[in-house]
Protein backbone atom coordinates (compact mmCIF):
# COMPACT_ATOMS: atom_id res chain seq x y z
CA MET A 1 -14.63 -19.36 15.61
CA THR A 2 -13.46 -17.57 18.72
CA GLN A 3 -12.42 -13.95 18.47
CA GLY A 4 -9.13 -14.27 20.33
CA SER A 5 -8.19 -13.69 23.93
CA SER A 6 -9.43 -10.85 26.09
CA THR A 7 -5.90 -9.43 26.33
CA MET A 8 -5.55 -6.99 23.44
CA ALA A 9 -2.18 -6.44 21.84
CA ASN A 10 -1.07 -4.95 18.54
CA PRO A 11 -0.43 -7.95 16.27
CA ILE A 12 1.88 -5.84 14.09
CA ALA A 13 4.25 -4.98 16.96
CA THR A 14 6.52 -8.00 16.44
CA PRO A 15 10.29 -8.40 16.62
CA ASP A 16 10.33 -9.03 12.86
CA GLN A 17 8.50 -5.75 12.17
CA PHE A 18 10.85 -3.74 14.39
CA ALA A 19 13.90 -5.40 12.80
CA ALA A 20 12.58 -4.66 9.29
CA GLU A 21 11.97 -1.02 10.21
CA ALA A 22 15.56 -0.78 11.43
CA ASP A 23 16.73 -2.25 8.11
CA VAL A 24 14.64 0.31 6.21
CA ARG A 25 16.03 3.24 8.22
CA ALA A 26 19.55 2.00 7.52
CA MET A 27 18.90 1.69 3.79
CA ARG A 28 17.32 5.14 3.64
CA SER A 29 20.42 6.66 5.23
CA ASP A 30 22.75 4.91 2.80
CA PRO A 31 24.40 7.71 0.74
CA ARG A 32 23.72 5.74 -2.45
CA SER A 33 19.96 6.13 -1.97
CA ASP A 34 20.00 9.84 -2.89
CA ALA A 35 20.90 9.15 -6.50
CA VAL A 36 18.13 6.55 -6.74
CA ARG A 37 15.54 8.96 -5.33
CA ASN A 38 16.62 11.62 -7.78
CA GLN A 39 16.35 9.19 -10.69
CA ILE A 40 12.84 8.10 -9.61
CA ALA A 41 11.72 11.73 -9.36
CA LYS A 42 13.19 12.45 -12.80
CA TYR A 43 11.40 9.47 -14.36
CA PHE A 44 8.04 10.68 -13.03
CA GLU A 45 8.73 14.29 -14.01
CA ILE A 46 9.59 13.32 -17.59
CA GLY A 47 6.65 10.94 -17.83
CA TYR A 48 4.03 13.42 -16.62
CA GLY A 49 5.52 16.34 -18.52
CA SER A 50 3.20 19.30 -18.93
CA ARG A 51 0.25 17.29 -17.56
CA LEU A 52 1.70 17.53 -14.04
CA PRO A 53 -0.35 20.08 -12.08
CA GLU A 54 1.81 22.88 -10.76
CA GLU A 55 0.65 22.22 -7.18
CA MET A 56 2.13 18.73 -7.51
CA ARG A 57 5.52 19.69 -8.94
CA PRO A 58 7.06 20.44 -5.51
CA MET A 59 5.83 17.02 -4.32
CA LEU A 60 7.89 14.93 -6.76
CA GLY A 61 10.72 14.61 -4.25
CA ASP A 62 8.33 13.39 -1.58
CA LEU A 63 6.79 10.94 -4.05
CA ALA A 64 10.21 9.54 -4.94
CA ASP A 65 11.17 9.26 -1.26
CA GLU A 66 8.04 7.32 -0.27
CA PHE A 67 8.20 5.23 -3.45
CA LEU A 68 11.76 4.11 -2.71
CA THR A 69 10.94 3.57 0.96
CA ASN A 70 8.09 1.28 -0.08
CA TRP A 71 10.58 -0.85 -2.01
CA PHE A 72 12.94 -0.81 0.97
CA PHE A 73 10.14 -2.35 3.04
CA LYS A 74 9.43 -4.92 0.32
CA SER A 75 13.10 -5.76 0.15
CA ALA A 76 13.23 -6.15 3.94
CA ALA A 77 10.41 -8.70 3.57
CA SER A 78 11.79 -10.43 0.48
CA ASP A 79 13.99 -13.19 1.95
CA SER A 80 12.02 -16.25 0.88
CA GLN A 81 14.28 -18.68 2.73
CA HIS A 82 14.01 -16.80 6.03
CA PRO A 83 10.51 -15.31 5.75
CA ARG A 84 9.18 -12.60 8.02
CA LEU A 85 5.96 -10.61 7.89
CA VAL A 86 6.53 -6.88 7.32
CA ARG A 87 3.97 -4.08 7.20
CA ASP A 88 4.29 -1.66 4.28
CA PHE A 89 2.45 1.25 2.56
CA MET A 90 1.97 3.25 5.79
CA PRO A 91 2.18 7.04 6.16
CA ALA A 92 5.03 8.30 8.33
CA HIS A 93 4.29 7.67 12.00
CA GLU A 94 5.79 7.31 15.45
CA TRP A 95 5.42 4.18 17.52
CA HIS A 96 7.35 2.32 20.21
CA GLY A 97 9.80 5.20 20.50
CA THR A 98 10.86 5.18 16.86
CA SER A 99 10.05 7.06 13.66
CA VAL A 100 8.73 5.02 10.75
CA PRO A 101 9.14 6.71 7.33
CA GLY A 102 6.20 7.02 4.96
CA ALA A 103 5.81 4.48 2.17
CA ARG A 104 2.56 5.47 0.41
CA THR A 105 2.24 4.88 -3.31
CA GLY A 106 0.11 3.37 -6.05
CA GLY A 107 -3.33 4.25 -4.68
CA ASP A 108 -2.64 2.69 -1.27
CA ASN A 109 -5.78 2.02 0.76
CA PRO A 110 -6.15 3.94 4.08
CA ASP A 111 -8.22 1.07 5.53
CA ASN A 112 -5.67 -1.65 4.85
CA CYS A 113 -2.95 -3.15 6.94
CA TYR A 114 -0.62 -4.40 4.21
CA ARG A 115 1.85 -7.14 5.10
CA LEU A 116 4.35 -9.06 2.97
CA ALA A 117 6.60 -12.08 3.35
CA GLY A 118 9.02 -13.52 0.82
CA ILE A 119 7.79 -16.68 -0.96
CA GLU A 120 9.65 -18.93 -3.42
CA HIS A 121 8.25 -21.67 -5.62
CA GLY A 122 9.62 -25.00 -4.46
CA THR A 123 9.68 -24.11 -0.75
CA HIS A 124 7.01 -25.19 1.77
CA TYR A 125 5.61 -22.64 4.24
CA ARG A 126 3.06 -22.58 7.04
CA LEU A 127 1.11 -19.42 7.93
CA THR A 128 -0.70 -19.56 11.28
CA GLY A 129 -3.21 -16.93 12.33
CA ARG A 130 -5.92 -15.99 14.77
CA ALA A 131 -8.34 -13.15 15.29
CA VAL A 132 -7.55 -10.59 17.99
CA GLY A 133 -10.77 -8.92 19.04
CA ARG A 134 -13.08 -8.11 16.14
CA LYS A 135 -11.62 -9.25 12.85
CA PRO A 136 -11.33 -6.91 9.84
CA ALA A 137 -14.21 -6.71 7.39
CA ASN A 138 -12.20 -8.57 4.75
CA ILE A 139 -8.79 -10.26 4.72
CA SER A 140 -7.09 -11.56 1.61
CA PHE A 141 -4.00 -13.72 1.27
CA THR A 142 -2.47 -13.48 -2.21
CA LEU A 143 0.63 -14.75 -3.92
CA ALA A 144 2.26 -12.03 -6.02
CA ASN A 145 4.72 -12.64 -8.84
CA ASN A 146 6.45 -9.27 -8.82
CA PHE A 147 7.96 -6.68 -6.49
CA GLY A 148 5.23 -4.29 -7.56
CA THR A 149 2.74 -6.74 -5.93
CA SER A 150 0.34 -6.22 -8.85
CA GLN A 151 0.47 -9.72 -10.41
CA THR A 152 -1.82 -11.91 -8.32
CA VAL A 153 -1.48 -15.61 -9.11
CA ALA A 154 -3.44 -17.13 -6.20
CA ILE A 155 -5.84 -15.76 -3.59
CA LEU A 156 -7.58 -16.99 -0.45
CA GLU A 157 -9.96 -14.81 1.59
CA ASP A 158 -11.04 -15.03 5.21
CA HIS A 159 -14.57 -16.25 4.42
CA GLN A 160 -13.00 -19.26 2.70
CA LEU A 161 -10.87 -20.28 5.68
CA ALA A 162 -11.39 -23.41 7.73
CA TRP A 163 -10.82 -22.66 11.42
CA LYS A 164 -9.59 -24.94 14.19
CA ASP A 165 -11.47 -25.40 17.46
CA ASP A 166 -8.87 -23.28 19.31
CA GLY A 167 -9.69 -20.23 17.17
CA THR A 168 -6.65 -20.46 14.90
CA PHE A 169 -6.23 -21.28 11.23
CA VAL A 170 -3.31 -22.64 9.22
CA ILE A 171 -2.57 -21.97 5.55
CA GLU A 172 -0.03 -24.16 3.82
CA ILE A 173 1.84 -22.61 0.90
CA ASP A 174 3.77 -24.85 -1.50
CA ASP A 175 3.96 -26.26 -5.03
CA LEU A 176 1.99 -29.45 -4.28
CA PRO A 177 -1.70 -30.17 -4.92
CA LYS A 178 -4.03 -29.19 -2.09
CA GLY A 179 -5.14 -32.76 -1.39
CA GLU A 180 -6.92 -33.10 1.95
CA ARG A 181 -5.53 -29.84 3.33
CA GLU A 182 -8.23 -27.34 4.29
CA ASN A 183 -6.40 -24.04 3.58
CA HIS A 184 -3.83 -23.95 0.82
CA LEU A 185 -2.12 -21.57 -1.61
CA LEU A 186 -0.44 -23.12 -4.64
CA THR A 187 2.83 -21.45 -5.65
CA ALA A 188 3.98 -20.98 -9.22
CA PRO A 189 7.35 -20.21 -10.79
CA GLY A 190 8.28 -16.58 -10.23
CA ASN A 191 6.43 -16.13 -6.93
CA LYS A 192 7.94 -13.28 -4.90
CA PHE A 193 5.60 -12.51 -2.00
CA LEU A 194 2.74 -13.54 0.16
CA PHE A 195 0.77 -10.27 0.18
CA ILE A 196 -1.85 -9.82 2.90
CA ARG A 197 -4.51 -7.11 3.11
CA ASP A 198 -6.50 -6.68 6.34
CA SER A 199 -9.28 -4.29 5.20
CA MET A 200 -10.93 -2.53 8.14
CA MET A 201 -14.35 -0.87 7.91
CA ASP A 202 -14.31 0.37 11.52
CA TRP A 203 -10.87 1.52 12.65
CA GLY A 204 -12.03 1.84 16.25
CA VAL A 205 -12.75 -1.85 16.82
CA GLU A 206 -11.36 -4.00 14.01
CA THR A 207 -7.86 -5.45 14.40
CA PRO A 208 -5.58 -7.17 11.87
CA PHE A 209 -5.07 -10.89 12.29
CA GLU A 210 -2.18 -12.09 14.44
CA LEU A 211 0.01 -14.00 11.99
CA THR A 212 3.23 -16.01 12.00
CA ILE A 213 5.01 -17.61 9.06
CA GLU A 214 7.57 -20.39 9.04
CA ARG A 215 9.51 -22.30 6.41
CA LEU A 216 9.01 -26.07 6.67
CA THR A 217 11.66 -27.26 4.20
CA PRO A 218 15.43 -26.82 4.63
CA ALA A 219 16.81 -23.37 3.83
CA LYS A 220 18.47 -23.07 0.45
CA ALA A 221 20.58 -20.05 1.41
CA LEU A 222 21.82 -17.96 4.32
CA PRO A 223 19.77 -14.89 5.33
CA ILE A 224 20.28 -11.91 3.04
CA ASP A 225 22.14 -8.92 4.48
CA ARG A 226 21.39 -5.20 4.16
CA ASP A 227 23.61 -4.81 1.12
CA GLU A 228 21.53 -7.40 -0.71
CA MET A 229 18.31 -5.79 0.55
CA PHE A 230 19.50 -2.44 -0.76
CA ALA A 231 20.43 -3.92 -4.13
CA ARG A 232 17.06 -5.63 -4.50
CA ALA A 233 15.11 -2.55 -3.46
CA THR A 234 16.87 -0.09 -5.75
CA ARG A 235 16.92 -2.45 -8.74
CA HIS A 236 13.21 -3.22 -8.54
CA ALA A 237 12.16 0.33 -7.61
CA LEU A 238 13.78 1.74 -10.73
CA ARG A 239 12.14 -0.94 -12.88
CA ASP A 240 8.72 -0.57 -11.30
CA VAL A 241 8.47 3.21 -11.73
CA PHE A 242 7.03 2.60 -15.19
CA GLN A 243 4.38 0.20 -13.93
CA TYR A 244 3.27 2.59 -11.20
CA PHE A 245 3.28 5.45 -13.70
CA TRP A 246 0.82 3.33 -15.70
CA PHE A 247 -1.34 2.73 -12.60
CA GLN A 248 -1.63 6.47 -12.05
CA ASN A 249 -2.38 7.08 -15.72
CA MET A 250 -5.32 4.66 -15.61
CA VAL A 251 -7.01 7.19 -13.32
CA SER A 252 -5.57 10.56 -14.39
CA SER A 253 -6.52 9.78 -17.99
CA ILE A 254 -10.22 9.75 -17.00
CA ALA A 255 -11.92 12.93 -18.17
CA VAL A 256 -11.76 15.62 -15.49
CA ASN A 257 -14.71 15.68 -13.06
CA THR A 258 -16.00 12.28 -14.16
CA ILE A 259 -15.71 8.73 -12.87
CA ALA A 260 -15.29 5.37 -14.55
CA PRO A 261 -18.15 2.85 -14.30
CA ALA A 262 -17.94 0.43 -11.37
CA ARG A 263 -16.55 -2.91 -12.52
CA PRO A 264 -14.69 -6.00 -11.26
CA LEU A 265 -10.95 -5.36 -11.05
CA ALA A 266 -10.22 -8.80 -12.50
CA SER A 267 -10.96 -7.38 -15.95
CA SER A 268 -7.88 -5.12 -15.71
CA GLY A 269 -5.48 -7.99 -14.96
CA VAL A 270 -3.79 -6.25 -12.00
CA GLY A 271 -4.34 -5.89 -8.27
CA MET A 272 -6.76 -7.78 -6.06
CA SER A 273 -8.71 -9.84 -8.58
CA THR A 274 -11.83 -10.34 -6.42
CA GLN A 275 -12.35 -6.62 -5.85
CA GLY A 276 -14.77 -4.23 -7.57
CA THR A 277 -13.67 -0.66 -8.24
CA SER A 278 -14.55 2.71 -9.68
CA SER A 279 -12.13 5.59 -10.11
CA GLY A 280 -12.41 9.30 -10.75
CA HIS A 281 -10.36 12.38 -11.61
CA PHE A 282 -11.28 15.82 -10.25
CA HIS A 283 -10.15 19.40 -10.68
CA LEU A 284 -12.04 21.56 -8.18
CA GLY A 285 -12.22 25.30 -7.75
CA PRO A 286 -12.56 26.78 -4.24
CA ASP A 287 -16.39 26.72 -4.45
CA ASP A 288 -16.83 23.53 -6.47
CA ALA A 289 -18.33 20.34 -5.08
CA ALA A 290 -18.72 16.83 -6.49
CA ILE A 291 -21.56 14.71 -5.12
CA LEU A 292 -20.37 11.11 -5.38
CA THR A 293 -23.21 8.62 -4.93
CA TRP A 294 -22.40 4.94 -4.40
CA ASP A 295 -24.06 1.76 -3.25
CA PRO A 296 -22.29 -0.37 -0.62
CA ALA A 297 -24.23 -3.21 -2.29
CA GLY A 298 -24.01 -5.47 0.75
CA ALA A 299 -20.27 -6.00 0.28
CA GLY A 300 -18.33 -7.12 3.32
CA TYR A 301 -16.06 -4.13 2.77
CA ALA A 302 -16.91 -0.97 0.82
CA ALA A 303 -15.08 2.35 0.94
CA VAL A 304 -13.98 5.42 -0.97
CA GLU A 305 -10.75 7.41 -0.78
CA LEU A 306 -9.13 10.44 -2.33
CA THR A 307 -5.49 10.46 -3.35
CA ASP A 308 -3.32 13.31 -4.49
CA TRP A 309 -2.76 13.59 -8.25
CA LEU A 310 0.43 11.52 -7.82
CA TYR A 311 -1.74 8.61 -6.58
CA ARG A 312 -0.72 8.59 -2.93
CA SER A 313 -3.28 8.47 -0.16
CA LEU A 314 -3.80 11.84 1.51
CA ASN A 315 -3.03 12.36 5.21
CA TYR A 316 -6.01 10.23 6.17
CA GLN A 317 -4.85 9.93 9.76
CA ASN A 318 -5.56 13.66 10.23
CA ILE A 319 -8.20 14.62 7.65
CA GLN A 320 -11.31 12.86 6.38
CA SER A 321 -10.00 12.02 2.93
CA SER A 322 -11.59 8.56 2.99
CA LEU A 323 -14.79 6.95 4.27
CA THR A 324 -15.88 3.36 4.67
CA ALA A 325 -19.53 2.34 4.66
CA ALA A 326 -19.25 1.99 8.44
CA GLN A 327 -17.82 5.51 8.86
CA ALA A 328 -20.27 7.15 6.46
CA HIS A 329 -23.90 8.20 6.85
CA ILE A 330 -26.09 5.98 4.68
CA ASP A 331 -29.29 7.54 3.32
CA ASP A 332 -32.72 5.93 3.59
CA ASP A 333 -32.44 4.48 0.09
CA GLY A 334 -29.30 2.55 1.09
CA LEU A 335 -26.93 4.80 -0.87
CA VAL A 336 -23.96 6.81 0.37
CA ARG A 337 -23.68 10.38 -0.91
CA THR A 338 -20.28 11.94 -0.29
CA VAL A 339 -19.26 15.50 -1.09
CA ILE A 340 -15.78 16.05 -2.49
CA ALA A 341 -14.71 19.65 -1.86
CA ARG A 342 -11.67 21.74 -0.97
CA ARG A 343 -13.43 23.35 2.00
CA ASP A 344 -15.93 22.02 4.52
CA PRO A 345 -19.44 21.75 3.02
CA GLY A 346 -21.02 21.03 6.41
CA VAL A 347 -22.07 17.46 5.65
CA TRP A 348 -21.01 14.36 7.59
CA ASN A 349 -19.85 12.63 4.38
CA TRP A 350 -17.26 15.20 3.36
CA LEU A 351 -14.21 13.96 1.48
CA ASP A 352 -11.51 16.53 2.21
CA THR A 353 -9.01 17.14 -0.62
CA GLY A 354 -6.44 18.46 1.84
CA GLY A 355 -6.59 21.78 0.00
CA TYR A 356 -5.53 20.30 -3.34
CA ALA A 357 -7.41 21.32 -6.46
CA ASN A 358 -6.41 18.13 -8.30
CA VAL A 359 -7.30 14.79 -6.73
CA LEU A 360 -7.99 11.22 -7.80
CA MET A 361 -10.70 8.99 -6.33
CA ILE A 362 -10.90 5.22 -5.74
CA LEU A 363 -14.02 3.28 -4.71
CA ARG A 364 -13.54 -0.32 -3.58
CA TRP A 365 -15.92 -3.21 -2.93
CA GLN A 366 -14.59 -6.45 -1.42
CA ALA A 367 -16.23 -9.66 -0.18
CA MET A 368 -19.08 -8.96 -2.58
CA GLN A 369 -22.22 -11.08 -2.26
CA PRO A 370 -22.79 -13.41 -5.25
CA GLU A 371 -26.50 -12.57 -5.24
CA GLY A 372 -26.09 -9.02 -3.96
CA ARG A 373 -26.99 -5.78 -5.65
CA PRO A 374 -24.71 -4.72 -8.50
CA ILE A 375 -22.01 -2.24 -7.53
CA PHE A 376 -22.85 1.29 -8.63
CA ALA A 377 -21.45 4.83 -8.49
CA SER A 378 -22.28 8.17 -10.11
CA VAL A 379 -21.10 11.77 -9.76
CA LEU A 380 -22.83 15.15 -10.05
CA MET A 381 -20.80 18.34 -10.27
CA THR A 382 -22.25 21.35 -8.44
CA THR A 383 -21.20 24.18 -6.11
CA LEU A 384 -21.13 24.46 -2.35
CA ASP A 385 -23.92 27.05 -2.48
CA ASP A 386 -26.19 24.67 -4.40
CA LEU A 387 -25.60 21.57 -2.26
CA ARG A 388 -28.83 21.81 -0.23
CA GLY A 389 -30.86 21.76 -3.40
CA GLN A 390 -28.98 18.75 -4.77
CA LEU A 391 -28.79 16.50 -1.69
CA PRO A 392 -31.77 14.53 -0.31
CA PRO A 393 -33.66 15.63 2.85
CA GLN A 394 -32.09 12.86 4.98
CA THR A 395 -28.57 14.24 4.43
CA ARG A 396 -26.68 14.48 7.69
CA TRP A 397 -25.54 18.07 8.11
CA ILE A 398 -23.14 18.92 10.93
CA SER A 399 -21.82 21.95 12.80
CA GLU A 400 -18.20 23.02 13.25
CA ARG A 401 -18.18 21.48 16.72
CA GLU A 402 -19.55 18.19 15.41
CA ARG A 403 -16.86 18.20 12.71
CA GLU A 404 -14.20 18.63 15.36
CA GLU A 405 -15.66 15.69 17.28
CA GLN A 406 -15.83 13.57 14.12
CA LEU A 407 -12.19 14.25 13.31
CA ALA A 408 -11.10 13.69 16.91
CA GLY A 409 -12.77 10.28 16.80
CA ARG A 410 -11.04 9.49 13.52
CA ARG A 411 -7.61 10.41 14.89
CA ALA A 412 -8.19 8.37 18.04
CA ALA A 413 -9.23 5.36 15.96
CA TYR A 414 -6.12 5.73 13.82
CA GLN A 415 -3.90 5.92 16.90
CA ARG A 416 -5.47 2.68 18.07
CA ARG A 417 -4.20 1.09 14.86
CA ILE A 418 -0.67 2.28 15.60
CA THR A 419 -0.32 1.83 19.36
């Protein structure tokens, strides 16, 4: 497999992406959207009730705004008869002279480039791709049966792909048996999206695949317009609030300052079925620290992130609220020990809560080795003053200047993803 041409370009910066972003901005400015945002915020407020931490109460409006924006992006990608690939789940950012609104929700992964395209059972599609520079650590192509993108009905990962001599691959997507075709996804009644995750361990060098999608059978309908996009987005967003409330409750219901055992996600029946996960729920005082120990276990992709209590990724483009195995310091025993704290503990592997006392944690393992070590995670609660006595001698401690350099490198790597 070749790694693409020497001319680097952002494979997300496509006419379809820019057009979808324009559609999303138009839907957000529609006066009817205010009532929908208010209803979403009210649903979450009623659902969480007195369990909602006071520091999160002022954030309900922001949650509702990003939640609805996420469904605007999905809706902009939902035309199965005129498919286009659209990136979603990003924090607010500026690129190519425009502002892109934030769309974080549901424990979104800071390391992922999420893309969607509308898919319908009974229609034949061709997805063509190639690597541009170094490929991501893991790429998955899934068919999802709902707007919430939680019901995976078929999956194909990059290590399963057959590549052509010219460095490209083709995936056919239809309702027919695979036959002699090398790469194939079988649709089923109810399919809504092709959902793609490019999971990057090293933001500074890994680049999402360059992808194009085309319909191969005659179109069954004219392209949908913005009114139809708006109707789809608001209808499904209001329905899916309850499902995403449940997602958050799977983590916030974990006893405070503990984590759930690492396990395959397939056992929960939602999300990326080939992934392993562990989750945690923390309430930290100003001097508290949680030492989270985890084993990358030889997985192609392994990483940890913090979210706010509302289950949105933190501002990972500016603070170190997440770490991949490639970004982290790994101790001599092969384990990663990260310190979750509200203020800087002086270790390389700090997970910054962004000042919040209440945070949720997600550990992910993807492209796991069949004969690899079992996935593992544990947590030890302590204080910042006691850290040196609790961490091993090989812990990487850093100065304020080194922290500034670490964060500057992180921000530069993130900007590379955007520009």
